Amino acid sequence: MKLYKIRFTPQSFLLFVVISLVWTGCGDPEVTPVKDGSVSFEIVPKQFPITPGIIDEASGLANSLNINGYLWTLQDSGKPNSLYLMSNDGKTIKEFNVPGSTNHDWEDLASGPGPIDGVNYLYIGEIGNNNLPMTATNIIYRVREIGNISGAYSPDNLEKITFSYPDGPRDAETLLLDPLTKDIFVVSKELDKAGLYRLPYPQSTSGTITAEKLGTIPSVVFTTGGSISTDGSEILIRNYTSAFYWKRTAGETVAQTLLNGAKKQLFIAPEPQGEGICFERESKGFYTIGEKGQAASVNLNYYLKK
């Protein structure tokens, strides 16, 4: 971790929890999260211990669409430019270097379709801003997912999507991929709001794209990760204390869904510094993971859908 990536002491974390509860409890002046009895998740997760020393700064999660029973994760700035393939019980973790990429501040990860039909891709969000001055441009690396656990990543399959914000540099830790349109979305990490930005498909890999600002997501602040289900019908965005859930109606865009306010606010089990979240591949539940920080270890948490 470097400057402006908040390290929580027990006291400061408690303060953030209180602020989050007050903020989300008050809701947005225009749209307040509403309860939706049609979908619910277990409150107590199934927990899988992660051996310390391998992925102590896990900052994002995404499903492997090619390798059954596995998730992808990545680490924050100062760590190798590598992806980590983790079994969904946390027992097996394997590192894969991504040649041609640079890890300045990798923050989130998404998996899904891309330019070649029938090929699954991973999207690596180089979207954080740990150091001053904030960078004017950010990067999303798109790489074809390897087909098996013995594979390797090649620089020949790596693409670089460079973008800037229309309203000045932003810190962000949430990357979303719409599997229906292949649009990429970035959510800013701010104490008082969550700006929603879109990079419409097809994204240029030769120039700098100016992201389209779509609005502010109601009642969500200080976002640290997000996920869209494989079929595109469900969305999760998290911060350190909660996960927010949306059900996408047929015909709705991602922006229309998110800007209408979350259907549910899910209070998730305490994590040292919770950042990663993703739906299980068949949307039977969702996973979360935190950065170890000053804790002895972390768990991979799984919340089953009821």
C-alpha atoms as a PDB file:
ATOM      1  CA  MET A   1       0.000   0.000   0.000  1.00  0.00           C
ATOM      2  CA  LYS A   2       1.091   3.536  -0.671  1.00  0.00           C
ATOM      3  CA  LEU A   3      -0.186   7.007  -0.009  1.00  0.00           C
ATOM      4  CA  TYR A   4      -3.937   7.561  -0.101  1.00  0.00           C
ATOM      5  CA  LYS A   5      -4.757   3.870   0.136  1.00  0.00           C
ATOM      6  CA  ILE A   6      -6.345   3.930   3.580  1.00  0.00           C
ATOM      7  CA  ARG A   7      -4.916   1.610   6.221  1.00  0.00           C
ATOM      8  CA  PHE A   8      -7.499   1.048   8.909  1.00  0.00           C
ATOM      9  CA  THR A   9      -6.633   0.837  12.576  1.00  0.00           C
ATOM     10  CA  PRO A  10      -9.403  -0.717  14.705  1.00  0.00           C
ATOM     11  CA  GLN A  11     -10.419   2.807  15.767  1.00  0.00           C
ATOM     12  CA  SER A  12     -10.502   4.303  12.261  1.00  0.00           C
ATOM     13  CA  PHE A  13     -12.289   1.271  10.861  1.00  0.00           C
ATOM     14  CA  LEU A  14     -14.962   1.589  13.532  1.00  0.00           C
ATOM     15  CA  LEU A  15     -15.347   5.263  12.622  1.00  0.00           C
ATOM     16  CA  PHE A  16     -15.783   4.347   8.970  1.00  0.00           C
ATOM     17  CA  VAL A  17     -18.390   1.714   9.886  1.00  0.00           C
ATOM     18  CA  VAL A  18     -20.359   4.321  11.834  1.00  0.00           C
ATOM     19  CA  ILE A  19     -20.133   6.830   8.970  1.00  0.00           C
ATOM     20  CA  SER A  20     -21.212   4.166   6.463  1.00  0.00           C
ATOM     21  CA  LEU A  21     -24.182   3.110   8.559  1.00  0.00           C
ATOM     22  CA  VAL A  22     -25.319   6.696   9.002  1.00  0.00           C
ATOM     23  CA  TRP A  23     -24.906   7.489   5.301  1.00  0.00           C
ATOM     24  CA  THR A  24     -26.556   4.399   3.906  1.00  0.00           C
ATOM     25  CA  GLY A  25     -29.269   4.556   6.529  1.00  0.00           C
ATOM     26  CA  CYS A  26     -30.154   8.091   5.469  1.00  0.00           C
ATOM     27  CA  GLY A  27     -30.090   7.167   1.814  1.00  0.00           C
ATOM     28  CA  ASP A  28     -29.996   9.459  -1.174  1.00  0.00           C
ATOM     29  CA  PRO A  29     -32.428  12.410  -1.136  1.00  0.00           C
ATOM     30  CA  GLU A  30     -34.029  11.181  -4.345  1.00  0.00           C
ATOM     31  CA  VAL A  31     -33.726   7.390  -4.280  1.00  0.00           C
ATOM     32  CA  THR A  32     -33.495   5.162  -1.199  1.00  0.00           C
ATOM     33  CA  PRO A  33     -32.628   1.434  -1.413  1.00  0.00           C
ATOM     34  CA  VAL A  34     -35.777  -0.657  -1.268  1.00  0.00           C
ATOM     35  CA  LYS A  35     -36.278  -4.168   0.027  1.00  0.00           C
ATOM     36  CA  ASP A  36     -36.899  -6.887  -2.514  1.00  0.00           C
ATOM     37  CA  GLY A  37     -38.213 -10.113  -0.997  1.00  0.00           C
ATOM     38  CA  SER A  38     -37.608 -12.103  -4.173  1.00  0.00           C
ATOM     39  CA  VAL A  39     -33.849 -12.535  -3.580  1.00  0.00           C
ATOM     40  CA  SER A  40     -31.960 -13.100  -0.347  1.00  0.00           C
ATOM     41  CA  PHE A  41     -28.580 -14.433   0.722  1.00  0.00           C
ATOM     42  CA  GLU A  42     -27.283 -16.219   3.788  1.00  0.00           C
ATOM     43  CA  ILE A  43     -26.121 -13.763   6.440  1.00  0.00           C
ATOM     44  CA  VAL A  44     -23.352 -16.005   7.782  1.00  0.00           C
ATOM     45  CA  PRO A  45     -20.919 -16.989   5.019  1.00  0.00           C
ATOM     46  CA  LYS A  46     -19.100 -20.230   4.501  1.00  0.00           C
ATOM     47  CA  GLN A  47     -15.484 -19.351   5.178  1.00  0.00           C
ATOM     48  CA  PHE A  48     -12.371 -20.790   3.535  1.00  0.00           C
ATOM     49  CA  PRO A  49      -9.028 -19.842   5.164  1.00  0.00           C
ATOM     50  CA  ILE A  50      -6.369 -18.390   2.850  1.00  0.00           C
ATOM     51  CA  THR A  51      -2.757 -19.279   3.621  1.00  0.00           C
ATOM     52  CA  PRO A  52      -0.888 -16.016   4.357  1.00  0.00           C
ATOM     53  CA  GLY A  53       2.004 -14.874   2.193  1.00  0.00           C
ATOM     54  CA  ILE A  54       0.622 -15.458  -1.297  1.00  0.00           C
ATOM     55  CA  ILE A  55      -2.246 -13.029  -1.902  1.00  0.00           C
ATOM     56  CA  ASP A  56      -2.105 -10.783   1.165  1.00  0.00           C
ATOM     57  CA  GLU A  57      -3.412  -7.780  -0.793  1.00  0.00           C
ATOM     58  CA  ALA A  58      -6.213  -9.340  -2.852  1.00  0.00           C
ATOM     59  CA  SER A  59      -8.052  -6.399  -4.392  1.00  0.00           C
ATOM     60  CA  GLY A  60     -10.500  -8.019  -6.801  1.00  0.00           C
ATOM     61  CA  LEU A  61     -12.284 -11.253  -7.689  1.00  0.00           C
ATOM     62  CA  ALA A  62     -13.658 -12.719 -10.897  1.00  0.00           C
ATOM     63  CA  ASN A  63     -14.873 -16.112 -12.036  1.00  0.00           C
ATOM     64  CA  SER A  64     -12.776 -18.303 -14.244  1.00  0.00           C
ATOM     65  CA  LEU A  65     -15.022 -19.023 -17.206  1.00  0.00           C
ATOM     66  CA  ASN A  66     -12.620 -21.608 -18.640  1.00  0.00           C
ATOM     67  CA  ILE A  67     -11.530 -23.525 -15.534  1.00  0.00           C
ATOM     68  CA  ASN A  68     -14.336 -24.959 -13.427  1.00  0.00           C
ATOM     69  CA  GLY A  69     -14.187 -24.451  -9.686  1.00  0.00           C
ATOM     70  CA  TYR A  70     -11.714 -21.569  -9.741  1.00  0.00           C
ATOM     71  CA  LEU A  71     -11.662 -17.810  -9.236  1.00  0.00           C
ATOM     72  CA  TRP A  72      -9.167 -15.192 -10.380  1.00  0.00           C
ATOM     73  CA  THR A  73      -7.759 -12.536  -8.101  1.00  0.00           C
ATOM     74  CA  LEU A  74      -5.044  -9.886  -8.270  1.00  0.00           C
ATOM     75  CA  GLN A  75      -3.015  -7.821  -5.833  1.00  0.00           C
ATOM     76  CA  ASP A  76      -2.637  -4.138  -5.167  1.00  0.00           C
ATOM     77  CA  SER A  77       0.203  -1.799  -6.083  1.00  0.00           C
ATOM     78  CA  GLY A  78       3.740  -2.816  -5.247  1.00  0.00           C
ATOM     79  CA  LYS A  79       2.962  -6.444  -6.060  1.00  0.00           C
ATOM     80  CA  PRO A  80       3.902  -8.423  -9.188  1.00  0.00           C
ATOM     81  CA  ASN A  81       1.991  -7.923 -12.425  1.00  0.00           C
ATOM     82  CA  SER A  82       0.387 -11.307 -11.889  1.00  0.00           C
ATOM     83  CA  LEU A  83      -3.014 -12.915 -11.746  1.00  0.00           C
ATOM     84  CA  TYR A  84      -3.728 -15.634  -9.193  1.00  0.00           C
ATOM     85  CA  LEU A  85      -5.930 -18.636  -9.894  1.00  0.00           C
ATOM     86  CA  MET A  86      -7.614 -19.741  -6.667  1.00  0.00           C
ATOM     87  CA  SER A  87      -9.802 -22.774  -6.091  1.00  0.00           C
ATOM     88  CA  ASN A  88     -13.219 -21.887  -4.731  1.00  0.00           C
ATOM     89  CA  ASP A  89     -12.321 -23.519  -1.396  1.00  0.00           C
ATOM     90  CA  GLY A  90      -9.181 -21.367  -1.123  1.00  0.00           C
ATOM     91  CA  LYS A  91      -6.856 -24.361  -0.819  1.00  0.00           C
ATOM     92  CA  THR A  92      -5.052 -24.043  -4.143  1.00  0.00           C
ATOM     93  CA  ILE A  93      -3.531 -20.779  -5.404  1.00  0.00           C
ATOM     94  CA  LYS A  94      -1.325 -20.509  -8.485  1.00  0.00           C
ATOM     95  CA  GLU A  95       0.400 -17.376  -9.775  1.00  0.00           C
ATOM     96  CA  PHE A  96       0.425 -16.409 -13.466  1.00  0.00           C
ATOM     97  CA  ASN A  97       2.559 -13.526 -14.688  1.00  0.00           C
ATOM     98  CA  VAL A  98       0.944 -11.227 -17.268  1.00  0.00           C
ATOM     99  CA  PRO A  99       3.808 -10.165 -19.595  1.00  0.00           C
ATOM    100  CA  GLY A 100       3.555  -6.678 -21.060  1.00  0.00           C
ATOM    101  CA  SER A 101       1.515  -5.276 -18.154  1.00  0.00           C
ATOM    102  CA  THR A 102       2.542  -3.032 -15.254  1.00  0.00           C
ATOM    103  CA  ASN A 103       0.990  -3.049 -11.773  1.00  0.00           C
ATOM    104  CA  HIS A 104       0.917   0.581 -10.652  1.00  0.00           C
ATOM    105  CA  ASP A 105      -2.354   0.127  -8.766  1.00  0.00           C
ATOM    106  CA  TRP A 106      -4.430  -2.864  -9.862  1.00  0.00           C
ATOM    107  CA  GLU A 107      -7.760  -2.679  -8.072  1.00  0.00           C
ATOM    108  CA  ASP A 108     -10.429  -4.887  -9.642  1.00  0.00           C
ATOM    109  CA  LEU A 109     -10.967  -7.680 -12.105  1.00  0.00           C
ATOM    110  CA  ALA A 110     -13.773  -8.845 -14.390  1.00  0.00           C
ATOM    111  CA  SER A 111     -14.277 -11.831 -16.674  1.00  0.00           C
ATOM    112  CA  GLY A 112     -16.490 -12.208 -19.719  1.00  0.00           C
ATOM    113  CA  PRO A 113     -16.750 -11.797 -23.475  1.00  0.00           C
ATOM    114  CA  GLY A 114     -14.647  -9.555 -25.681  1.00  0.00           C
ATOM    115  CA  PRO A 115     -13.728  -8.841 -29.300  1.00  0.00           C
ATOM    116  CA  ILE A 116     -13.580 -12.459 -30.486  1.00  0.00           C
ATOM    117  CA  ASP A 117     -16.867 -14.339 -30.256  1.00  0.00           C
ATOM    118  CA  GLY A 118     -16.697 -17.458 -28.106  1.00  0.00           C
ATOM    119  CA  VAL A 119     -13.480 -16.375 -26.354  1.00  0.00           C
ATOM    120  CA  ASN A 120     -13.430 -15.529 -22.646  1.00  0.00           C
ATOM    121  CA  TYR A 121     -11.382 -12.572 -21.456  1.00  0.00           C
ATOM    122  CA  LEU A 122     -10.093 -11.151 -18.194  1.00  0.00           C
ATOM    123  CA  TYR A 123     -10.201  -7.389 -17.635  1.00  0.00           C
ATOM    124  CA  ILE A 124      -7.585  -6.023 -15.220  1.00  0.00           C
ATOM    125  CA  GLY A 125      -8.456  -2.648 -13.711  1.00  0.00           C
ATOM    126  CA  GLU A 126      -5.355  -0.469 -13.365  1.00  0.00           C
ATOM    127  CA  ILE A 127      -7.697   2.188 -12.021  1.00  0.00           C
ATOM    128  CA  GLY A 128      -6.478   3.129  -8.533  1.00  0.00           C
ATOM    129  CA  ASN A 129      -4.561   6.257  -7.639  1.00  0.00           C
ATOM    130  CA  ASN A 130      -2.226   5.486  -4.769  1.00  0.00           C
ATOM    131  CA  ASN A 131       0.263   8.249  -5.467  1.00  0.00           C
ATOM    132  CA  LEU A 132       0.041  11.997  -5.952  1.00  0.00           C
ATOM    133  CA  PRO A 133      -0.418  13.510  -8.380  1.00  0.00           C
ATOM    134  CA  MET A 134      -3.360  11.438  -9.600  1.00  0.00           C
ATOM    135  CA  THR A 135      -2.687  10.120 -13.080  1.00  0.00           C
ATOM    136  CA  ALA A 136      -4.564  11.782 -15.929  1.00  0.00           C
ATOM    137  CA  THR A 137      -5.152   8.448 -17.637  1.00  0.00           C
ATOM    138  CA  ASN A 138      -5.949   4.942 -16.412  1.00  0.00           C
ATOM    139  CA  ILE A 139      -5.611   1.519 -17.993  1.00  0.00           C
ATOM    140  CA  ILE A 140      -7.705  -1.597 -18.338  1.00  0.00           C
ATOM    141  CA  TYR A 141      -5.738  -4.602 -19.566  1.00  0.00           C
ATOM    142  CA  ARG A 142      -7.770  -7.130 -21.544  1.00  0.00           C
ATOM    143  CA  VAL A 143      -6.264 -10.579 -21.989  1.00  0.00           C
ATOM    144  CA  ARG A 144      -7.645 -13.873 -23.256  1.00  0.00           C
ATOM    145  CA  GLU A 145      -8.175 -16.206 -20.334  1.00  0.00           C
ATOM    146  CA  ILE A 146      -5.976 -19.292 -20.369  1.00  0.00           C
ATOM    147  CA  GLY A 147      -7.761 -22.567 -21.010  1.00  0.00           C
ATOM    148  CA  ASN A 148      -6.341 -24.703 -18.206  1.00  0.00           C
ATOM    149  CA  ILE A 149      -4.284 -24.561 -15.026  1.00  0.00           C
ATOM    150  CA  SER A 150      -1.106 -25.452 -16.927  1.00  0.00           C
ATOM    151  CA  GLY A 151      -1.440 -22.546 -19.345  1.00  0.00           C
ATOM    152  CA  ALA A 152       0.458 -19.257 -19.482  1.00  0.00           C
ATOM    153  CA  TYR A 153      -0.309 -15.700 -20.515  1.00  0.00           C
ATOM    154  CA  SER A 154       1.291 -14.250 -23.614  1.00  0.00           C
ATOM    155  CA  PRO A 155       1.987 -10.595 -24.406  1.00  0.00           C
ATOM    156  CA  ASP A 156       0.570 -11.327 -27.866  1.00  0.00           C
ATOM    157  CA  ASN A 157      -2.892 -11.732 -26.324  1.00  0.00           C
ATOM    158  CA  LEU A 158      -2.722  -8.616 -24.117  1.00  0.00           C
ATOM    159  CA  GLU A 159      -4.578  -5.446 -25.085  1.00  0.00           C
ATOM    160  CA  LYS A 160      -4.356  -2.066 -23.377  1.00  0.00           C
ATOM    161  CA  ILE A 161      -7.456   0.133 -23.057  1.00  0.00           C
ATOM    162  CA  THR A 162      -6.393   3.626 -21.950  1.00  0.00           C
ATOM    163  CA  PHE A 163      -8.989   6.098 -20.725  1.00  0.00           C
ATOM    164  CA  SER A 164      -9.471   9.399 -18.943  1.00  0.00           C
ATOM    165  CA  TYR A 165     -12.406  10.830 -17.002  1.00  0.00           C
ATOM    166  CA  PRO A 166     -14.428  13.746 -18.396  1.00  0.00           C
ATOM    167  CA  ASP A 167     -14.399  15.525 -15.006  1.00  0.00           C
ATOM    168  CA  GLY A 168     -10.797  15.130 -13.904  1.00  0.00           C
ATOM    169  CA  PRO A 169      -8.720  12.306 -12.374  1.00  0.00           C
ATOM    170  CA  ARG A 170     -10.498   9.891 -10.050  1.00  0.00           C
ATOM    171  CA  ASP A 171      -9.595   7.091  -7.675  1.00  0.00           C
ATOM    172  CA  ALA A 172     -11.573   3.931  -8.446  1.00  0.00           C
ATOM    173  CA  GLU A 173     -11.620   0.318  -7.258  1.00  0.00           C
ATOM    174  CA  THR A 174     -14.729  -1.020  -9.000  1.00  0.00           C
ATOM    175  CA  LEU A 175     -14.683  -2.450 -12.516  1.00  0.00           C
ATOM    176  CA  LEU A 176     -17.792  -3.943 -14.152  1.00  0.00           C
ATOM    177  CA  LEU A 177     -18.223  -5.709 -17.487  1.00  0.00           C
ATOM    178  CA  ASP A 178     -21.669  -6.011 -19.049  1.00  0.00           C
ATOM    179  CA  PRO A 179     -21.671  -9.490 -20.655  1.00  0.00           C
ATOM    180  CA  LEU A 180     -24.621  -8.500 -22.848  1.00  0.00           C
ATOM    181  CA  THR A 181     -23.106  -5.409 -24.495  1.00  0.00           C
ATOM    182  CA  LYS A 182     -19.379  -5.775 -23.624  1.00  0.00           C
ATOM    183  CA  ASP A 183     -19.447  -2.228 -22.246  1.00  0.00           C
ATOM    184  CA  ILE A 184     -17.010  -1.560 -19.388  1.00  0.00           C
ATOM    185  CA  PHE A 185     -18.073   0.459 -16.334  1.00  0.00           C
ATOM    186  CA  VAL A 186     -15.910   2.085 -13.660  1.00  0.00           C
ATOM    187  CA  VAL A 187     -17.272   3.344 -10.324  1.00  0.00           C
ATOM    188  CA  SER A 188     -15.308   6.051  -8.520  1.00  0.00           C
ATOM    189  CA  LYS A 189     -14.263   5.597  -4.884  1.00  0.00           C
ATOM    190  CA  GLU A 190     -15.264   8.753  -3.007  1.00  0.00           C
ATOM    191  CA  LEU A 191     -16.357   9.444   0.544  1.00  0.00           C
ATOM    192  CA  ASP A 192     -19.570  11.211  -0.480  1.00  0.00           C
ATOM    193  CA  LYS A 193     -20.593   9.639  -3.790  1.00  0.00           C
ATOM    194  CA  ALA A 194     -20.005   6.932  -6.401  1.00  0.00           C
ATOM    195  CA  GLY A 195     -19.705   8.229  -9.939  1.00  0.00           C
ATOM    196  CA  LEU A 196     -20.609   5.816 -12.738  1.00  0.00           C
ATOM    197  CA  TYR A 197     -18.525   5.946 -15.934  1.00  0.00           C
ATOM    198  CA  ARG A 198     -18.864   3.930 -19.142  1.00  0.00           C
ATOM    199  CA  LEU A 199     -16.414   2.815 -21.818  1.00  0.00           C
ATOM    200  CA  PRO A 200     -18.718   1.621 -24.609  1.00  0.00           C
ATOM    201  CA  TYR A 201     -17.821  -1.373 -26.747  1.00  0.00           C
ATOM    202  CA  PRO A 202     -15.794  -1.588 -28.937  1.00  0.00           C
ATOM    203  CA  GLN A 203     -13.104   0.036 -26.822  1.00  0.00           C
ATOM    204  CA  SER A 204     -10.103   1.471 -28.656  1.00  0.00           C
ATOM    205  CA  THR A 205      -6.737  -0.096 -27.850  1.00  0.00           C
ATOM    206  CA  SER A 206      -4.694   2.468 -29.776  1.00  0.00           C
ATOM    207  CA  GLY A 207      -5.732   5.829 -28.333  1.00  0.00           C
ATOM    208  CA  THR A 208      -7.095   7.359 -25.141  1.00  0.00           C
ATOM    209  CA  ILE A 209     -10.857   7.080 -24.586  1.00  0.00           C
ATOM    210  CA  THR A 210     -12.769   9.703 -22.651  1.00  0.00           C
ATOM    211  CA  ALA A 211     -15.172   7.808 -20.403  1.00  0.00           C
ATOM    212  CA  GLU A 212     -18.809   8.835 -20.436  1.00  0.00           C
ATOM    213  CA  LYS A 213     -20.128   9.932 -17.043  1.00  0.00           C
ATOM    214  CA  LEU A 214     -23.611   8.494 -16.571  1.00  0.00           C
ATOM    215  CA  GLY A 215     -24.443   9.849 -13.116  1.00  0.00           C
ATOM    216  CA  THR A 216     -24.077   9.073  -9.419  1.00  0.00           C
ATOM    217  CA  ILE A 217     -25.234   5.786  -7.897  1.00  0.00           C
ATOM    218  CA  PRO A 218     -27.687   6.555  -5.070  1.00  0.00           C
ATOM    219  CA  SER A 219     -26.868   5.628  -1.466  1.00  0.00           C
ATOM    220  CA  VAL A 220     -23.495   4.036  -2.225  1.00  0.00           C
ATOM    221  CA  VAL A 221     -20.147   5.486  -1.101  1.00  0.00           C
ATOM    222  CA  PHE A 222     -16.467   4.527  -0.896  1.00  0.00           C
ATOM    223  CA  THR A 223     -16.811   1.580  -3.266  1.00  0.00           C
ATOM    224  CA  THR A 224     -14.099  -1.090  -3.316  1.00  0.00           C
ATOM    225  CA  GLY A 225     -15.321  -3.711  -5.816  1.00  0.00           C
ATOM    226  CA  GLY A 226     -18.159  -4.960  -7.973  1.00  0.00           C
ATOM    227  CA  SER A 227     -19.472  -7.766 -10.155  1.00  0.00           C
ATOM    228  CA  ILE A 228     -22.112  -8.458 -12.796  1.00  0.00           C
ATOM    229  CA  SER A 229     -23.463 -12.007 -13.000  1.00  0.00           C
ATOM    230  CA  THR A 230     -22.542 -14.184 -15.973  1.00  0.00           C
ATOM    231  CA  ASP A 231     -25.997 -13.748 -17.540  1.00  0.00           C
ATOM    232  CA  GLY A 232     -26.000  -9.994 -16.893  1.00  0.00           C
ATOM    233  CA  SER A 233     -29.145 -10.002 -14.745  1.00  0.00           C
ATOM    234  CA  GLU A 234     -27.644  -9.227 -11.306  1.00  0.00           C
ATOM    235  CA  ILE A 235     -25.168  -6.637 -10.060  1.00  0.00           C
ATOM    236  CA  LEU A 236     -23.183  -6.308  -6.823  1.00  0.00           C
ATOM    237  CA  ILE A 237     -21.113  -3.356  -5.612  1.00  0.00           C
ATOM    238  CA  ARG A 238     -19.378  -3.340  -2.250  1.00  0.00           C
ATOM    239  CA  ASN A 239     -17.545  -1.126   0.195  1.00  0.00           C
ATOM    240  CA  TYR A 240     -15.726  -2.108   3.382  1.00  0.00           C
ATOM    241  CA  THR A 241     -18.894  -2.876   5.358  1.00  0.00           C
ATOM    242  CA  SER A 242     -21.712  -3.683   2.932  1.00  0.00           C
ATOM    243  CA  ALA A 243     -22.649  -5.137  -0.420  1.00  0.00           C
ATOM    244  CA  PHE A 244     -25.379  -3.553  -2.552  1.00  0.00           C
ATOM    245  CA  TYR A 245     -27.523  -5.704  -4.816  1.00  0.00           C
ATOM    246  CA  TRP A 246     -29.452  -4.853  -7.996  1.00  0.00           C
ATOM    247  CA  LYS A 247     -31.724  -7.029 -10.115  1.00  0.00           C
ATOM    248  CA  ARG A 248     -31.610  -5.944 -13.750  1.00  0.00           C
ATOM    249  CA  THR A 249     -34.894  -5.959 -15.635  1.00  0.00           C
ATOM    250  CA  ALA A 250     -34.949  -7.286 -19.195  1.00  0.00           C
ATOM    251  CA  GLY A 251     -34.261  -4.430 -21.596  1.00  0.00           C
ATOM    252  CA  GLU A 252     -32.591  -2.219 -18.972  1.00  0.00           C
ATOM    253  CA  THR A 253     -29.071  -0.930 -19.395  1.00  0.00           C
ATOM    254  CA  VAL A 254     -26.578  -1.280 -16.571  1.00  0.00           C
ATOM    255  CA  ALA A 255     -26.810   2.470 -15.982  1.00  0.00           C
ATOM    256  CA  GLN A 256     -30.605   2.420 -15.775  1.00  0.00           C
ATOM    257  CA  THR A 257     -30.403  -0.359 -13.206  1.00  0.00           C
ATOM    258  CA  LEU A 258     -27.702   1.165 -11.023  1.00  0.00           C
ATOM    259  CA  LEU A 259     -29.012   4.722 -11.088  1.00  0.00           C
ATOM    260  CA  ASN A 260     -32.415   3.534  -9.834  1.00  0.00           C
ATOM    261  CA  GLY A 261     -30.904   2.560  -6.485  1.00  0.00           C
ATOM    262  CA  ALA A 262     -30.029  -0.778  -4.930  1.00  0.00           C
ATOM    263  CA  LYS A 263     -32.736  -3.353  -4.239  1.00  0.00           C
ATOM    264  CA  LYS A 264     -30.887  -4.607  -1.174  1.00  0.00           C
ATOM    265  CA  GLN A 265     -28.112  -3.571   1.160  1.00  0.00           C
ATOM    266  CA  LEU A 266     -26.290  -6.635   2.478  1.00  0.00           C
ATOM    267  CA  PHE A 267     -24.146  -6.306   5.588  1.00  0.00           C
ATOM    268  CA  ILE A 268     -21.273  -8.689   5.093  1.00  0.00           C
ATOM    269  CA  ALA A 269     -18.991 -10.401   7.607  1.00  0.00           C
ATOM    270  CA  PRO A 270     -16.129  -8.215   8.892  1.00  0.00           C
ATOM    271  CA  GLU A 271     -12.979  -8.431   6.790  1.00  0.00           C
ATOM    272  CA  PRO A 272      -9.623  -6.763   7.524  1.00  0.00           C
ATOM    273  CA  GLN A 273     -10.051  -4.566   4.432  1.00  0.00           C
ATOM    274  CA  GLY A 274     -12.753  -5.989   2.211  1.00  0.00           C
ATOM    275  CA  GLU A 275     -12.290  -5.243  -1.470  1.00  0.00           C
ATOM    276  CA  GLY A 276     -12.982  -8.255  -3.685  1.00  0.00           C
ATOM    277  CA  ILE A 277     -16.451  -9.489  -4.650  1.00  0.00           C
ATOM    278  CA  CYS A 278     -17.903 -11.613  -7.441  1.00  0.00           C
ATOM    279  CA  PHE A 279     -20.908 -13.752  -8.201  1.00  0.00           C
ATOM    280  CA  GLU A 280     -20.478 -17.507  -8.301  1.00  0.00           C
ATOM    281  CA  ARG A 281     -20.438 -18.530 -11.960  1.00  0.00           C
ATOM    282  CA  GLU A 282     -24.004 -19.871 -11.923  1.00  0.00           C
ATOM    283  CA  SER A 283     -25.177 -17.034  -9.630  1.00  0.00           C
ATOM    284  CA  LYS A 284     -25.992 -19.399  -6.755  1.00  0.00           C
ATOM    285  CA  GLY A 285     -24.261 -16.979  -4.387  1.00  0.00           C
ATOM    286  CA  PHE A 286     -21.300 -14.624  -4.219  1.00  0.00           C
ATOM    287  CA  TYR A 287     -17.730 -14.548  -2.891  1.00  0.00           C
ATOM    288  CA  THR A 288     -15.833 -11.838  -1.017  1.00  0.00           C
ATOM    289  CA  ILE A 289     -12.220 -11.455   0.070  1.00  0.00           C
ATOM    290  CA  GLY A 290     -10.226  -8.809   1.923  1.00  0.00           C
ATOM    291  CA  GLU A 291      -6.670  -7.585   2.120  1.00  0.00           C
ATOM    292  CA  LYS A 292      -4.788  -9.006   5.095  1.00  0.00           C
ATOM    293  CA  GLY A 293      -3.440  -5.662   6.311  1.00  0.00           C
ATOM    294  CA  GLN A 294      -2.496  -6.000   9.976  1.00  0.00           C
ATOM    295  CA  ALA A 295      -4.582  -9.155  10.472  1.00  0.00           C
ATOM    296  CA  ALA A 296      -3.035 -12.606  10.829  1.00  0.00           C
ATOM    297  CA  SER A 297      -4.923 -13.980   7.818  1.00  0.00           C
ATOM    298  CA  VAL A 298      -8.049 -13.636   5.688  1.00  0.00           C
ATOM    299  CA  ASN A 299     -10.833 -15.894   4.485  1.00  0.00           C
ATOM    300  CA  LEU A 300     -12.522 -16.377   1.165  1.00  0.00           C
ATOM    301  CA  ASN A 301     -16.185 -15.923   2.103  1.00  0.00           C
ATOM    302  CA  TYR A 302     -19.122 -17.445   0.234  1.00  0.00           C
ATOM    303  CA  TYR A 303     -22.705 -16.242   0.661  1.00  0.00           C
ATOM    304  CA  LEU A 304     -25.235 -18.744  -0.645  1.00  0.00           C
ATOM    305  CA  LYS A 305     -28.396 -17.449  -2.272  1.00  0.00           C
ATOM    306  CA  LYS A 306     -31.474 -18.668  -0.423  1.00  0.00           C
END
